[in-house]
C-alpha atoms as a PDB file:
ATOM      1  CA  MET A   1       0.241  -0.193  -0.015  1.00  0.00           C
ATOM      2  CA  PRO A   2       1.362   3.234  -0.744  1.00  0.00           C
ATOM      3  CA  SER A   3       2.072   5.931   1.840  1.00  0.00           C
ATOM      4  CA  GLN A   4      -0.313   7.184   4.028  1.00  0.00           C
ATOM      5  CA  GLU A   5       1.587  10.741   3.237  1.00  0.00           C
ATOM      6  CA  LEU A   6       0.280  10.564  -0.401  1.00  0.00           C
ATOM      7  CA  HIS A   7      -2.771  12.850   0.467  1.00  0.00           C
ATOM      8  CA  LEU A   8      -4.851  14.979  -1.258  1.00  0.00           C
ATOM      9  CA  GLY A   9      -3.760  18.784  -1.101  1.00  0.00           C
ATOM     10  CA  THR A  10      -0.408  17.989  -0.780  1.00  0.00           C
ATOM     11  CA  LYS A  11       0.198  15.690  -4.446  1.00  0.00           C
ATOM     12  CA  HIS A  12      -2.195  14.563  -7.441  1.00  0.00           C
ATOM     13  CA  ILE A  13      -2.812  11.155  -7.718  1.00  0.00           C
ATOM     14  CA  GLY A  14      -3.136  11.463 -11.565  1.00  0.00           C
ATOM     15  CA  PRO A  15      -4.325   9.011 -14.210  1.00  0.00           C
ATOM     16  CA  VAL A  16      -3.946   5.360 -12.685  1.00  0.00           C
ATOM     17  CA  SER A  17      -3.925   2.668 -15.244  1.00  0.00           C
ATOM     18  CA  LEU A  18      -5.273  -1.287 -13.832  1.00  0.00           C
ATOM     19  CA  ARG A  19      -4.233  -4.765 -14.463  1.00  0.00           C
ATOM     20  CA  PRO A  20      -7.087  -6.380 -15.860  1.00  0.00           C
ATOM     21  CA  ILE A  21      -8.151  -9.815 -14.147  1.00  0.00           C
ATOM     22  CA  LEU A  22      -9.188 -12.817 -16.726  1.00  0.00           C
ATOM     23  CA  GLN A  23     -11.894 -14.539 -15.356  1.00  0.00           C
ATOM     24  CA  GLU A  24     -12.564 -18.253 -16.756  1.00  0.00           C
ATOM     25  CA  ARG A  25     -15.998 -18.771 -17.852  1.00  0.00           C
ATOM     26  CA  ILE A  26     -17.135 -22.183 -19.505  1.00  0.00           C
ATOM     27  CA  TRP A  27     -18.466 -19.918 -22.267  1.00  0.00           C
ATOM     28  CA  GLY A  28     -15.538 -18.538 -22.723  1.00  0.00           C
ATOM     29  CA  GLU A  29     -13.316 -18.137 -25.749  1.00  0.00           C
ATOM     30  CA  GLU A  30      -9.606 -19.924 -26.111  1.00  0.00           C
ATOM     31  CA  THR A  31      -8.143 -16.905 -28.265  1.00  0.00           C
ATOM     32  CA  LEU A  32      -8.364 -13.511 -27.150  1.00  0.00           C
ATOM     33  CA  PRO A  33      -7.445  -9.895 -28.370  1.00  0.00           C
ATOM     34  CA  GLY A  34      -4.000  -9.406 -28.337  1.00  0.00           C
ATOM     35  CA  CYS A  35      -4.216  -7.238 -26.105  1.00  0.00           C
ATOM     36  CA  TYR A  36      -4.719  -9.789 -23.277  1.00  0.00           C
ATOM     37  CA  PRO A  37      -2.196 -12.797 -22.154  1.00  0.00           C
ATOM     38  CA  GLN A  38      -3.979 -15.719 -23.863  1.00  0.00           C
ATOM     39  CA  PRO A  39      -5.729 -18.498 -21.901  1.00  0.00           C
ATOM     40  CA  ALA A  40      -4.138 -21.601 -20.915  1.00  0.00           C
ATOM     41  CA  ALA A  41      -5.663 -24.772 -22.838  1.00  0.00           C
ATOM     42  CA  GLY A  42      -8.683 -26.055 -22.095  1.00  0.00           C
ATOM     43  CA  LYS A  43      -9.410 -22.839 -19.754  1.00  0.00           C
ATOM     44  CA  PRO A  44     -11.635 -20.628 -21.548  1.00  0.00           C
ATOM     45  CA  ILE A  45     -11.870 -17.198 -20.835  1.00  0.00           C
ATOM     46  CA  GLY A  46     -15.202 -15.044 -20.452  1.00  0.00           C
ATOM     47  CA  GLU A  47     -14.490 -11.874 -19.089  1.00  0.00           C
ATOM     48  CA  ALA A  48     -11.885  -9.804 -18.222  1.00  0.00           C
ATOM     49  CA  TRP A  49     -12.644  -7.341 -15.210  1.00  0.00           C
ATOM     50  CA  LEU A  50     -10.964  -4.187 -15.926  1.00  0.00           C
ATOM     51  CA  THR A  51     -12.187  -1.950 -12.494  1.00  0.00           C
ATOM     52  CA  ALA A  52     -12.277  -5.376 -10.065  1.00  0.00           C
ATOM     53  CA  GLU A  53     -11.182  -4.353  -6.496  1.00  0.00           C
ATOM     54  CA  THR A  54      -8.620  -6.720  -6.702  1.00  0.00           C
ATOM     55  CA  CYS A  55      -6.971  -4.800  -9.990  1.00  0.00           C
ATOM     56  CA  VAL A  56      -3.753  -3.147  -9.318  1.00  0.00           C
ATOM     57  CA  ALA A  57      -2.401  -0.376 -10.504  1.00  0.00           C
ATOM     58  CA  ASP A  58       0.654  -1.089 -13.123  1.00  0.00           C
ATOM     59  CA  SER A  59       2.792   1.752 -13.401  1.00  0.00           C
ATOM     60  CA  GLY A  60       4.086   4.906 -11.417  1.00  0.00           C
ATOM     61  CA  PRO A  61       4.355   5.435  -7.453  1.00  0.00           C
ATOM     62  CA  LEU A  62       1.179   3.269  -7.122  1.00  0.00           C
ATOM     63  CA  ALA A  63       2.021   0.132  -8.784  1.00  0.00           C
ATOM     64  CA  GLY A  64       0.839  -2.783  -6.866  1.00  0.00           C
ATOM     65  CA  THR A  65      -1.852  -0.645  -4.819  1.00  0.00           C
ATOM     66  CA  SER A  66      -5.358  -2.352  -5.489  1.00  0.00           C
ATOM     67  CA  LEU A  67      -8.059  -0.216  -6.598  1.00  0.00           C
ATOM     68  CA  ALA A  68      -9.827  -1.154  -3.094  1.00  0.00           C
ATOM     69  CA  GLU A  69      -7.191   0.188  -1.659  1.00  0.00           C
ATOM     70  CA  LEU A  70      -7.043   3.263  -3.307  1.00  0.00           C
ATOM     71  CA  THR A  71     -10.532   3.846  -2.771  1.00  0.00           C
ATOM     72  CA  LYS A  72     -10.264   3.257   1.384  1.00  0.00           C
ATOM     73  CA  LEU A  73      -7.244   6.117   1.048  1.00  0.00           C
ATOM     74  CA  TYR A  74      -9.106   8.581  -1.243  1.00  0.00           C
ATOM     75  CA  PRO A  75     -13.040   7.794  -1.216  1.00  0.00           C
ATOM     76  CA  ALA A  76     -13.490  11.666  -2.410  1.00  0.00           C
ATOM     77  CA  ALA A  77     -11.308  10.423  -5.695  1.00  0.00           C
ATOM     78  CA  PHE A  78     -12.261   7.139  -6.593  1.00  0.00           C
ATOM     79  CA  ALA A  79     -15.743   6.325  -4.610  1.00  0.00           C
ATOM     80  CA  SER A  80     -19.630   7.972  -4.943  1.00  0.00           C
ATOM     81  CA  GLY A  81     -19.604  10.165  -1.993  1.00  0.00           C
ATOM     82  CA  ALA A  82     -18.324   9.622   1.214  1.00  0.00           C
ATOM     83  CA  SER A  83     -18.378   5.794   0.664  1.00  0.00           C
ATOM     84  CA  ALA A  84     -15.225   3.888   0.592  1.00  0.00           C
ATOM     85  CA  GLU A  85     -16.676   1.866  -2.614  1.00  0.00           C
ATOM     86  CA  PHE A  86     -15.844   1.636  -6.061  1.00  0.00           C
ATOM     87  CA  PRO A  87     -19.200   2.336  -8.250  1.00  0.00           C
ATOM     88  CA  LEU A  88     -18.565   0.584 -11.371  1.00  0.00           C
ATOM     89  CA  LEU A  89     -17.222  -2.573 -12.421  1.00  0.00           C
ATOM     90  CA  ILE A  90     -16.423  -2.642 -16.107  1.00  0.00           C
ATOM     91  CA  LYS A  91     -15.551  -5.579 -17.606  1.00  0.00           C
ATOM     92  CA  THR A  92     -14.851  -7.001 -21.213  1.00  0.00           C
ATOM     93  CA  LEU A  93     -16.904 -10.182 -22.490  1.00  0.00           C
ATOM     94  CA  PHE A  94     -15.709 -12.868 -25.075  1.00  0.00           C
ATOM     95  CA  PRO A  95     -18.637 -14.896 -25.459  1.00  0.00           C
ATOM     96  CA  ARG A  96     -17.906 -17.818 -27.387  1.00  0.00           C
ATOM     97  CA  GLU A  97     -21.335 -19.373 -26.258  1.00  0.00           C
ATOM     98  CA  LYS A  98     -24.417 -18.002 -25.530  1.00  0.00           C
ATOM     99  CA  LEU A  99     -24.790 -16.749 -22.240  1.00  0.00           C
ATOM    100  CA  SER A 100     -27.134 -18.028 -19.366  1.00  0.00           C
ATOM    101  CA  VAL A 101     -31.161 -16.342 -19.255  1.00  0.00           C
ATOM    102  CA  GLN A 102     -30.249 -14.545 -15.745  1.00  0.00           C
ATOM    103  CA  VAL A 103     -31.426 -11.517 -14.382  1.00  0.00           C
ATOM    104  CA  HIS A 104     -30.718  -8.602 -11.466  1.00  0.00           C
ATOM    105  CA  PRO A 105     -32.407  -6.842  -8.569  1.00  0.00           C
ATOM    106  CA  ASN A 106     -32.594  -3.154  -8.738  1.00  0.00           C
ATOM    107  CA  ASP A 107     -31.138  -1.344  -5.640  1.00  0.00           C
ATOM    108  CA  ALA A 108     -34.193  -1.622  -3.330  1.00  0.00           C
ATOM    109  CA  GLN A 109     -34.238  -5.294  -3.545  1.00  0.00           C
ATOM    110  CA  ALA A 110     -30.529  -5.920  -3.158  1.00  0.00           C
ATOM    111  CA  LEU A 111     -30.937  -4.135   0.151  1.00  0.00           C
ATOM    112  CA  ALA A 112     -33.347  -5.902   1.140  1.00  0.00           C
ATOM    113  CA  LEU A 113     -31.293  -8.954   0.585  1.00  0.00           C
ATOM    114  CA  GLY A 114     -28.388  -7.373   2.765  1.00  0.00           C
ATOM    115  CA  GLN A 115     -26.776  -6.739  -0.359  1.00  0.00           C
ATOM    116  CA  PRO A 116     -25.461  -3.118  -0.595  1.00  0.00           C
ATOM    117  CA  ARG A 117     -26.846  -2.305  -4.288  1.00  0.00           C
ATOM    118  CA  GLY A 118     -28.319  -3.939  -6.937  1.00  0.00           C
ATOM    119  CA  LYS A 119     -27.191  -4.331 -11.340  1.00  0.00           C
ATOM    120  CA  THR A 120     -28.252  -1.991 -13.946  1.00  0.00           C
ATOM    121  CA  GLU A 121     -25.678  -2.112 -16.344  1.00  0.00           C
ATOM    122  CA  CYS A 122     -25.151  -1.608 -20.382  1.00  0.00           C
ATOM    123  CA  TRP A 123     -23.003  -2.991 -22.981  1.00  0.00           C
ATOM    124  CA  TYR A 124     -21.419  -1.547 -25.868  1.00  0.00           C
ATOM    125  CA  VAL A 125     -20.734  -4.274 -28.550  1.00  0.00           C
ATOM    126  CA  LEU A 126     -17.154  -3.728 -29.459  1.00  0.00           C
ATOM    127  CA  SER A 127     -17.108  -6.336 -32.491  1.00  0.00           C
ATOM    128  CA  ALA A 128     -20.267  -8.784 -33.502  1.00  0.00           C
ATOM    129  CA  GLU A 129     -20.340 -11.732 -36.628  1.00  0.00           C
ATOM    130  CA  PRO A 130     -23.259 -11.731 -38.952  1.00  0.00           C
ATOM    131  CA  GLY A 131     -26.434 -12.471 -36.940  1.00  0.00           C
ATOM    132  CA  ALA A 132     -25.158 -11.858 -33.533  1.00  0.00           C
ATOM    133  CA  THR A 133     -28.374 -11.156 -31.215  1.00  0.00           C
ATOM    134  CA  VAL A 134     -28.773 -10.083 -27.406  1.00  0.00           C
ATOM    135  CA  ALA A 135     -31.922 -10.872 -25.613  1.00  0.00           C
ATOM    136  CA  VAL A 136     -33.738  -8.529 -23.533  1.00  0.00           C
ATOM    137  CA  GLY A 137     -37.185  -8.707 -21.887  1.00  0.00           C
ATOM    138  CA  PHE A 138     -39.973 -10.782 -23.618  1.00  0.00           C
ATOM    139  CA  ARG A 139     -41.412 -10.903 -27.380  1.00  0.00           C
ATOM    140  CA  GLU A 140     -45.109 -10.496 -25.956  1.00  0.00           C
ATOM    141  CA  GLU A 141     -47.064  -9.985 -22.740  1.00  0.00           C
ATOM    142  CA  ILE A 142     -46.262 -12.607 -19.906  1.00  0.00           C
ATOM    143  CA  SER A 143     -46.866 -12.981 -16.669  1.00  0.00           C
ATOM    144  CA  LEU A 144     -44.696 -14.720 -14.032  1.00  0.00           C
ATOM    145  CA  ASP A 145     -46.495 -18.185 -13.947  1.00  0.00           C
ATOM    146  CA  GLN A 146     -45.931 -18.470 -17.339  1.00  0.00           C
ATOM    147  CA  VAL A 147     -42.655 -17.441 -17.397  1.00  0.00           C
ATOM    148  CA  ARG A 148     -42.239 -20.296 -14.554  1.00  0.00           C
ATOM    149  CA  ALA A 149     -43.715 -22.781 -16.860  1.00  0.00           C
ATOM    150  CA  ALA A 150     -41.173 -21.948 -20.015  1.00  0.00           C
ATOM    151  CA  ILE A 151     -38.334 -22.169 -17.834  1.00  0.00           C
ATOM    152  CA  ALA A 152     -39.655 -25.709 -16.276  1.00  0.00           C
ATOM    153  CA  ASP A 153     -40.584 -27.254 -20.048  1.00  0.00           C
ATOM    154  CA  GLY A 154     -37.719 -25.604 -22.037  1.00  0.00           C
ATOM    155  CA  THR A 155     -39.175 -23.275 -23.697  1.00  0.00           C
ATOM    156  CA  LEU A 156     -38.213 -19.827 -22.176  1.00  0.00           C
ATOM    157  CA  GLU A 157     -35.513 -19.031 -24.824  1.00  0.00           C
ATOM    158  CA  ASP A 158     -39.122 -18.671 -27.237  1.00  0.00           C
ATOM    159  CA  LYS A 159     -40.236 -16.152 -25.113  1.00  0.00           C
ATOM    160  CA  LEU A 160     -37.367 -13.589 -25.039  1.00  0.00           C
ATOM    161  CA  ARG A 161     -37.140 -10.493 -27.293  1.00  0.00           C
ATOM    162  CA  TYR A 162     -33.816 -10.651 -29.675  1.00  0.00           C
ATOM    163  CA  LEU A 163     -31.798  -7.584 -30.843  1.00  0.00           C
ATOM    164  CA  PRO A 164     -29.689  -8.034 -33.653  1.00  0.00           C
ATOM    165  CA  VAL A 165     -26.427  -5.895 -32.726  1.00  0.00           C
ATOM    166  CA  LYS A 166     -23.075  -4.549 -34.645  1.00  0.00           C
ATOM    167  CA  ALA A 167     -20.032  -3.433 -33.301  1.00  0.00           C
ATOM    168  CA  GLY A 168     -20.560   0.277 -31.814  1.00  0.00           C
ATOM    169  CA  ASP A 169     -24.248  -0.418 -30.803  1.00  0.00           C
ATOM    170  CA  MET A 170     -25.034   0.211 -27.129  1.00  0.00           C
ATOM    171  CA  VAL A 171     -27.477  -2.015 -25.332  1.00  0.00           C
ATOM    172  CA  TYR A 172     -28.988  -0.707 -21.991  1.00  0.00           C
ATOM    173  CA  VAL A 173     -30.279  -3.498 -19.513  1.00  0.00           C
ATOM    174  CA  ASP A 174     -32.116  -1.960 -16.372  1.00  0.00           C
ATOM    175  CA  ALA A 175     -32.574  -4.370 -13.182  1.00  0.00           C
ATOM    176  CA  GLY A 176     -35.390  -7.164 -13.193  1.00  0.00           C
ATOM    177  CA  THR A 177     -34.865  -7.357 -16.844  1.00  0.00           C
ATOM    178  CA  MET A 178     -34.626 -10.818 -17.869  1.00  0.00           C
ATOM    179  CA  HIS A 179     -31.446 -10.952 -20.464  1.00  0.00           C
ATOM    180  CA  ALA A 180     -29.171 -13.097 -22.004  1.00  0.00           C
ATOM    181  CA  ILE A 181     -25.883 -11.992 -24.565  1.00  0.00           C
ATOM    182  CA  GLY A 182     -26.001 -14.284 -27.802  1.00  0.00           C
ATOM    183  CA  SER A 183     -22.324 -15.977 -28.978  1.00  0.00           C
ATOM    184  CA  GLY A 184     -20.429 -14.043 -31.415  1.00  0.00           C
ATOM    185  CA  MET A 185     -19.705 -10.818 -30.679  1.00  0.00           C
ATOM    186  CA  VAL A 186     -16.893  -8.884 -27.695  1.00  0.00           C
ATOM    187  CA  VAL A 187     -18.862  -6.745 -25.159  1.00  0.00           C
ATOM    188  CA  LEU A 188     -17.814  -3.905 -23.184  1.00  0.00           C
ATOM    189  CA  GLU A 189     -20.197  -3.858 -20.051  1.00  0.00           C
ATOM    190  CA  THR A 190     -20.684  -0.787 -17.530  1.00  0.00           C
ATOM    191  CA  GLN A 191     -22.507  -1.702 -14.231  1.00  0.00           C
ATOM    192  CA  GLU A 192     -22.819  -1.127 -10.905  1.00  0.00           C
ATOM    193  CA  TYR A 193     -20.259  -2.765  -8.685  1.00  0.00           C
ATOM    194  CA  SER A 194     -22.490  -5.904  -8.039  1.00  0.00           C
ATOM    195  CA  ASP A 195     -22.194  -9.401  -8.799  1.00  0.00           C
ATOM    196  CA  ILE A 196     -25.751 -10.742  -7.560  1.00  0.00           C
ATOM    197  CA  THR A 197     -26.978 -12.846 -10.687  1.00  0.00           C
ATOM    198  CA  TYR A 198     -29.719 -15.263 -10.894  1.00  0.00           C
ATOM    199  CA  ARG A 199     -29.777 -17.547 -13.338  1.00  0.00           C
ATOM    200  CA  LEU A 200     -33.053 -19.084 -14.745  1.00  0.00           C
ATOM    201  CA  TYR A 201     -32.061 -21.070 -17.698  1.00  0.00           C
ATOM    202  CA  ASP A 202     -28.673 -22.453 -18.814  1.00  0.00           C
ATOM    203  CA  TYR A 203     -29.315 -24.794 -22.140  1.00  0.00           C
ATOM    204  CA  GLY A 204     -29.157 -27.655 -20.640  1.00  0.00           C
ATOM    205  CA  ARG A 205     -25.217 -26.970 -19.286  1.00  0.00           C
ATOM    206  CA  PRO A 206     -25.249 -28.747 -15.441  1.00  0.00           C
ATOM    207  CA  ARG A 207     -25.116 -25.276 -13.487  1.00  0.00           C
ATOM    208  CA  GLU A 208     -27.141 -23.919 -10.450  1.00  0.00           C
ATOM    209  CA  LEU A 209     -30.389 -22.301 -11.372  1.00  0.00           C
ATOM    210  CA  HIS A 210     -32.515 -19.537  -9.410  1.00  0.00           C
ATOM    211  CA  VAL A 211     -35.297 -19.560 -10.353  1.00  0.00           C
ATOM    212  CA  ASP A 212     -37.481 -18.709  -7.577  1.00  0.00           C
ATOM    213  CA  ALA A 213     -34.906 -15.847  -6.559  1.00  0.00           C
ATOM    214  CA  GLY A 214     -34.796 -14.381  -9.726  1.00  0.00           C
ATOM    215  CA  LEU A 215     -38.571 -14.308 -10.482  1.00  0.00           C
ATOM    216  CA  ALA A 216     -39.322 -12.396  -7.573  1.00  0.00           C
ATOM    217  CA  VAL A 217     -36.627  -9.766  -8.932  1.00  0.00           C
ATOM    218  CA  THR A 218     -37.820  -9.812 -12.380  1.00  0.00           C
ATOM    219  CA  ARG A 219     -40.415  -7.601 -14.431  1.00  0.00           C
ATOM    220  CA  THR A 220     -41.858  -8.517 -17.228  1.00  0.00           C
ATOM    221  CA  THR A 221     -42.211  -4.922 -18.929  1.00  0.00           C
ATOM    222  CA  THR A 222     -38.652  -3.389 -19.386  1.00  0.00           C
ATOM    223  CA  ASP A 223     -37.098  -0.287 -20.514  1.00  0.00           C
ATOM    224  CA  ALA A 224     -34.144  -2.218 -21.703  1.00  0.00           C
ATOM    225  CA  GLY A 225     -32.932  -2.254 -25.453  1.00  0.00           C
ATOM    226  CA  LEU A 226     -30.677  -0.628 -27.952  1.00  0.00           C
ATOM    227  CA  VAL A 227     -29.921   3.137 -27.098  1.00  0.00           C
ATOM    228  CA  GLU A 228     -29.543   5.851 -30.010  1.00  0.00           C
ATOM    229  CA  PRO A 229     -26.297   7.718 -29.587  1.00  0.00           C
ATOM    230  CA  LEU A 230     -26.594  11.554 -28.896  1.00  0.00           C
ATOM    231  CA  ALA A 231     -24.421  13.767 -30.334  1.00  0.00           C
ATOM    232  CA  MET A 232     -22.933  16.346 -28.091  1.00  0.00           C
ATOM    233  CA  ASP A 233     -20.047  19.032 -27.825  1.00  0.00           C
ATOM    234  CA  GLY A 234     -16.617  17.216 -29.265  1.00  0.00           C
ATOM    235  CA  PHE A 235     -18.201  13.626 -28.309  1.00  0.00           C
ATOM    236  CA  THR A 236     -21.203  11.108 -28.844  1.00  0.00           C
ATOM    237  CA  ARG A 237     -23.132  10.010 -25.539  1.00  0.00           C
ATOM    238  CA  LEU A 238     -23.589   6.666 -25.881  1.00  0.00           C
ATOM    239  CA  VAL A 239     -26.223   6.141 -23.026  1.00  0.00           C
ATOM    240  CA  ALA A 240     -26.700   7.880 -19.473  1.00  0.00           C
ATOM    241  CA  SER A 241     -28.519   6.473 -16.802  1.00  0.00           C
ATOM    242  CA  ASP A 242     -28.803   6.924 -13.122  1.00  0.00           C
ATOM    243  CA  TYR A 243     -25.971   4.764 -12.588  1.00  0.00           C
ATOM    244  CA  PHE A 244     -23.287   5.628 -15.486  1.00  0.00           C
ATOM    245  CA  VAL A 245     -23.058   7.816 -18.326  1.00  0.00           C
ATOM    246  CA  VAL A 246     -20.922   6.427 -21.485  1.00  0.00           C
ATOM    247  CA  ASP A 247     -19.759   8.623 -23.839  1.00  0.00           C
ATOM    248  CA  ARG A 248     -17.460   7.982 -27.218  1.00  0.00           C
ATOM    249  CA  PHE A 249     -14.560  10.241 -28.257  1.00  0.00           C
ATOM    250  CA  SER A 250     -12.782   9.843 -31.995  1.00  0.00           C
ATOM    251  CA  LEU A 251      -9.753  11.394 -31.718  1.00  0.00           C
ATOM    252  CA  LEU A 252      -8.462  13.441 -34.755  1.00  0.00           C
ATOM    253  CA  GLN A 253      -5.555  15.778 -34.889  1.00  0.00           C
ATOM    254  CA  ALA A 254      -7.182  18.368 -32.583  1.00  0.00           C
ATOM    255  CA  ALA A 255      -7.183  17.935 -28.902  1.00  0.00           C
ATOM    256  CA  ALA A 256     -10.362  17.047 -27.012  1.00  0.00           C
ATOM    257  CA  PRO A 257     -11.196  18.550 -23.450  1.00  0.00           C
ATOM    258  CA  LEU A 258     -12.714  15.541 -21.311  1.00  0.00           C
ATOM    259  CA  GLY A 259     -14.463  18.139 -18.928  1.00  0.00           C
ATOM    260  CA  LEU A 260     -16.147  16.734 -15.483  1.00  0.00           C
ATOM    261  CA  ARG A 261     -12.741  17.894 -13.665  1.00  0.00           C
ATOM    262  CA  ASN A 262     -14.287  16.913 -10.759  1.00  0.00           C
ATOM    263  CA  GLN A 263     -15.400  13.885 -11.154  1.00  0.00           C
ATOM    264  CA  MET A 264     -13.778  10.348 -11.308  1.00  0.00           C
ATOM    265  CA  GLN A 265     -13.862   9.085 -15.452  1.00  0.00           C
ATOM    266  CA  MET A 266     -12.182   5.980 -16.522  1.00  0.00           C
ATOM    267  CA  LEU A 267     -10.968   5.669 -19.944  1.00  0.00           C
ATOM    268  CA  PHE A 268     -10.667   2.480 -22.353  1.00  0.00           C
ATOM    269  CA  ALA A 269      -8.806   3.168 -25.922  1.00  0.00           C
ATOM    270  CA  LEU A 270      -9.975   0.688 -28.470  1.00  0.00           C
ATOM    271  CA  GLY A 271      -6.952   1.341 -29.998  1.00  0.00           C
ATOM    272  CA  GLU A 272      -3.443   2.378 -30.240  1.00  0.00           C
ATOM    273  CA  GLY A 273      -2.254   5.759 -30.431  1.00  0.00           C
ATOM    274  CA  SER A 274      -4.004   7.637 -27.751  1.00  0.00           C
ATOM    275  CA  LEU A 275      -3.070   9.761 -25.106  1.00  0.00           C
ATOM    276  CA  VAL A 276      -4.305  11.452 -22.044  1.00  0.00           C
ATOM    277  CA  GLU A 277      -2.799  14.670 -20.728  1.00  0.00           C
ATOM    278  CA  SER A 278      -2.913  17.490 -17.933  1.00  0.00           C
ATOM    279  CA  GLY A 279      -0.620  19.981 -16.889  1.00  0.00           C
ATOM    280  CA  ALA A 280       1.477  17.490 -15.350  1.00  0.00           C
ATOM    281  CA  GLY A 281       2.500  15.346 -17.961  1.00  0.00           C
ATOM    282  CA  THR A 282       1.247  12.734 -20.550  1.00  0.00           C
ATOM    283  CA  VAL A 283       0.001   9.453 -20.249  1.00  0.00           C
ATOM    284  CA  ARG A 284      -0.306   6.686 -23.030  1.00  0.00           C
ATOM    285  CA  LEU A 285      -3.687   4.491 -23.214  1.00  0.00           C
ATOM    286  CA  GLU A 286      -2.863   0.716 -23.527  1.00  0.00           C
ATOM    287  CA  PRO A 287      -5.560  -0.556 -25.562  1.00  0.00           C
ATOM    288  CA  TRP A 288      -8.514  -2.412 -23.803  1.00  0.00           C
ATOM    289  CA  ARG A 289      -7.460  -1.367 -20.250  1.00  0.00           C
ATOM    290  CA  ILE A 290      -8.862   1.323 -18.222  1.00  0.00           C
ATOM    291  CA  VAL A 291      -7.576   4.205 -16.958  1.00  0.00           C
ATOM    292  CA  VAL A 292      -8.599   5.594 -13.832  1.00  0.00           C
ATOM    293  CA  LEU A 293      -9.021   9.592 -14.257  1.00  0.00           C
ATOM    294  CA  PRO A 294      -9.103  10.177  -9.839  1.00  0.00           C
ATOM    295  CA  ALA A 295     -11.955  13.320  -8.874  1.00  0.00           C
ATOM    296  CA  GLU A 296      -8.795  15.938  -8.295  1.00  0.00           C
ATOM    297  CA  GLY A 297     -10.182  19.024 -10.262  1.00  0.00           C
ATOM    298  CA  ILE A 298      -7.404  18.325 -12.790  1.00  0.00           C
ATOM    299  CA  GLU A 299      -7.973  19.615 -16.373  1.00  0.00           C
ATOM    300  CA  TYR A 300      -7.449  16.377 -18.934  1.00  0.00           C
ATOM    301  CA  VAL A 301      -7.621  16.217 -22.821  1.00  0.00           C
ATOM    302  CA  LEU A 302      -7.272  13.299 -24.959  1.00  0.00           C
ATOM    303  CA  ARG A 303      -4.704  13.719 -28.285  1.00  0.00           C
ATOM    304  CA  GLY A 304      -3.396  11.462 -30.703  1.00  0.00           C
ATOM    305  CA  ARG A 305      -5.483   9.253 -32.704  1.00  0.00           C
ATOM    306  CA  GLY A 306      -8.493   6.456 -32.763  1.00  0.00           C
ATOM    307  CA  GLU A 307     -11.906   5.763 -30.144  1.00  0.00           C
ATOM    308  CA  VAL A 308     -11.885   5.892 -26.617  1.00  0.00           C
ATOM    309  CA  ILE A 309     -14.452   5.422 -24.269  1.00  0.00           C
ATOM    310  CA  ARG A 310     -14.834   7.431 -20.822  1.00  0.00           C
ATOM    311  CA  ILE A 311     -17.303   6.197 -18.631  1.00  0.00           C
ATOM    312  CA  ALA A 312     -18.480   8.200 -15.628  1.00  0.00           C
ATOM    313  CA  GLN A 313     -20.994   8.854 -13.109  1.00  0.00           C
ATOM    314  CA  PRO A 314     -23.980  11.033 -13.599  1.00  0.00           C
END
């Protein structure tokens, strides 16, 4: 852990680059994009956790310090309000097979279960094969009793609403929405920092289901779906919710000011050649990793080339 002498007011923390943590999943890929280590034989990777509390800073004076430690040391810079918990979990997903049909509780339901928060999320599609789809909600009006019966007789897939997706699409998934990510795509997921997942259907794979708990938090109507991008001043807003905003910057020659100087921001570069700079210096953005810009009143700008995704709280 860094020295307690490093604190806001005497020295800026500055950008923090985090080392991803790869998670083995039965539905994952055995070959990952070149910016990540390759999986061991027979151990498919389904997720790279980019802002897990156990992710560590991998350069500079804070190298080796976990995100959880940083958040406890500097809650005003990394957490929401006075909380000492990092608020958002960002992942890249690599589904070689379909993910299970699942659902997550909202904040009130999670609190009633003794958990700190629910899970509203969004998916930014980084790549997709022709015909790739995601499932969000139901095709037509349905009761929870009918959903339970469809789980029991193996027809739940037929009841879901499927959306075709392509690279550059954004899908919003509010808590309580039954959903599933299909195969043949790579997704950047932003979510409330929660891992409460109720699996309702898993295509015959030998994993536990949580039918009663899942149906207790399921809504049969939903606000989930594809979100139309919105042109802003210097960037494109991909989605805005009560928990996160996700923006896309397309870098050319001119500098792109980030603004939000008093809010924490997270940057995800889609390729090489992107830089973030302030009066204190310049940091190169490594592709497909997260660089956290703490909330400490610093003006940042993006330079270079390529596309950068910026994630922040509203």
